[in-house]
Amino acid sequence: MKITFTDKKLEKIVNDDRKLLKEFGKLRAEKTKTRLAQLRFANTLEDVRHLPGNYHELINNRKGQWACDLDQPYRLIFTPHESPIPTNEHNQYIWLEISGVEIIEIINYHKEK
């Protein structure tokens, strides 16, 4: 799957092992590398849906975004490249038709409440 980044600073950090370790610590750095590798090797978002990492759609003010677990409570947040996001007749997103994602951020979004 093709991966892009909204934030060029984050892209530089996650693509440099030393910067990644310094910025996020060992556990989050390792989890981030694992999740990005899972996404890169997938053909579609459906391929990662049931992998470790709890890939899931977000709701409310983050509808249209997805997250996967890093170290609790941090998540890797991303959106599909497809615009509009493919949906079925029940307005559910079709994971099988999403073949690229844009990484938005690494965050504890539960603090936003």
Protein backbone atom coordinates (compact mmCIF):
# COMPACT_ATOMS: atom_id res chain seq x y z
CA MET A 1 0.00 0.00 0.00
CA LYS A 2 1.23 3.49 -0.73
CA ILE A 3 1.91 5.61 2.36
CA THR A 4 2.24 9.39 2.42
CA PHE A 5 2.50 11.86 5.29
CA THR A 6 0.60 15.06 6.02
CA ASP A 7 3.43 16.30 8.24
CA LYS A 8 6.91 16.31 6.64
CA LYS A 9 8.54 16.53 10.09
CA LEU A 10 6.79 13.32 11.18
CA GLU A 11 7.81 11.66 7.91
CA LYS A 12 11.47 12.49 8.58
CA ILE A 13 11.23 11.20 12.15
CA VAL A 14 9.64 7.84 11.30
CA ASN A 15 12.08 7.24 8.44
CA ASP A 16 15.16 7.77 10.63
CA ASP A 17 15.61 5.12 13.33
CA ARG A 18 17.68 7.41 15.57
CA LYS A 19 15.19 10.28 15.37
CA LEU A 20 12.28 7.90 15.90
CA LEU A 21 13.88 6.42 19.02
CA LYS A 22 14.77 9.85 20.41
CA GLU A 23 11.32 11.32 19.75
CA PHE A 24 9.11 8.42 20.90
CA GLY A 25 11.19 6.04 22.99
CA LYS A 26 11.96 2.40 22.29
CA LEU A 27 8.50 0.83 22.61
CA ARG A 28 6.55 3.42 20.59
CA ALA A 29 9.32 3.57 17.98
CA GLU A 30 9.20 -0.22 17.51
CA LYS A 31 5.40 -0.26 17.35
CA THR A 32 5.39 2.60 14.84
CA LYS A 33 7.84 0.77 12.57
CA THR A 34 5.77 -2.42 12.83
CA ARG A 35 2.48 -0.68 11.97
CA LEU A 36 4.02 1.17 9.02
CA ALA A 37 5.51 -2.10 7.73
CA GLN A 38 2.10 -3.78 8.02
CA LEU A 39 0.54 -0.98 5.98
CA ARG A 40 3.32 -0.97 3.37
CA PHE A 41 3.05 -4.71 2.76
CA ALA A 42 -0.75 -4.66 2.52
CA ASN A 43 -2.47 -4.36 -0.84
CA THR A 44 -5.58 -2.81 0.69
CA LEU A 45 -6.67 -1.67 4.13
CA GLU A 46 -8.66 -4.90 4.44
CA ASP A 47 -5.34 -6.80 4.61
CA VAL A 48 -4.48 -5.20 7.98
CA ARG A 49 -7.98 -5.19 9.44
CA HIS A 50 -7.49 -8.29 11.58
CA LEU A 51 -3.76 -8.02 12.26
CA PRO A 52 -2.44 -7.16 15.71
CA GLY A 53 -2.72 -3.42 16.14
CA ASN A 54 -6.49 -3.03 16.32
CA TYR A 55 -6.98 -1.15 13.06
CA HIS A 56 -10.29 0.68 13.35
CA GLU A 57 -12.40 3.48 11.95
CA LEU A 58 -12.81 6.56 14.10
CA ILE A 59 -16.10 8.34 14.75
CA ASN A 60 -17.56 11.75 15.59
CA ASN A 61 -15.13 14.61 14.83
CA ARG A 62 -12.61 12.07 13.47
CA LYS A 63 -14.98 10.31 11.05
CA GLY A 64 -13.10 9.42 7.87
CA GLN A 65 -9.94 8.68 9.83
CA TRP A 66 -8.54 5.34 10.97
CA ALA A 67 -6.29 4.46 13.89
CA CYS A 68 -4.13 1.58 15.01
CA ASP A 69 -2.63 0.98 18.43
CA LEU A 70 0.93 1.81 19.32
CA ASP A 71 1.76 1.82 23.02
CA GLN A 72 -1.30 2.64 25.11
CA PRO A 73 -2.85 5.20 24.86
CA TYR A 74 -1.05 6.33 21.68
CA ARG A 75 -2.35 5.69 18.18
CA LEU A 76 -1.14 6.08 14.62
CA ILE A 77 -3.82 8.12 12.79
CA PHE A 78 -4.33 8.02 9.02
CA THR A 79 -6.83 8.71 6.25
CA PRO A 80 -7.36 6.91 2.93
CA HIS A 81 -5.99 8.42 -0.28
CA GLU A 82 -9.31 7.66 -1.97
CA SER A 83 -11.60 10.67 -2.14
CA PRO A 84 -14.41 10.21 -1.59
CA ILE A 85 -13.80 7.22 0.64
CA PRO A 86 -15.55 4.21 -0.97
CA THR A 87 -18.78 3.22 0.77
CA ASN A 88 -21.42 0.55 0.25
CA GLU A 89 -25.21 0.96 0.09
CA HIS A 90 -25.31 1.07 3.93
CA ASN A 91 -22.81 3.97 3.99
CA GLN A 92 -20.11 1.73 5.51
CA TYR A 93 -16.54 2.22 4.36
CA ILE A 94 -15.24 -0.49 2.01
CA TRP A 95 -11.80 -1.35 3.39
CA LEU A 96 -11.09 -3.59 0.38
CA GLU A 97 -11.14 -0.57 -1.95
CA ILE A 98 -8.66 1.53 0.04
CA SER A 99 -5.18 1.07 -1.41
CA GLY A 100 -3.25 4.00 0.03
CA VAL A 101 -3.16 6.00 3.25
CA GLU A 102 -1.84 9.31 4.47
CA ILE A 103 -0.36 9.32 7.96
CA ILE A 104 -1.68 12.30 9.91
CA GLU A 105 -0.20 11.99 13.38
CA ILE A 106 0.83 9.93 16.36
CA ILE A 107 -1.32 11.02 19.29
CA ASN A 108 -3.28 10.13 22.38
CA TYR A 109 -6.60 11.36 20.97
CA HIS A 110 -8.48 10.37 24.14
CA LYS A 111 -7.05 13.51 25.77
CA GLU A 112 -9.11 15.60 23.31
CA LYS A 113 -12.36 14.86 25.14
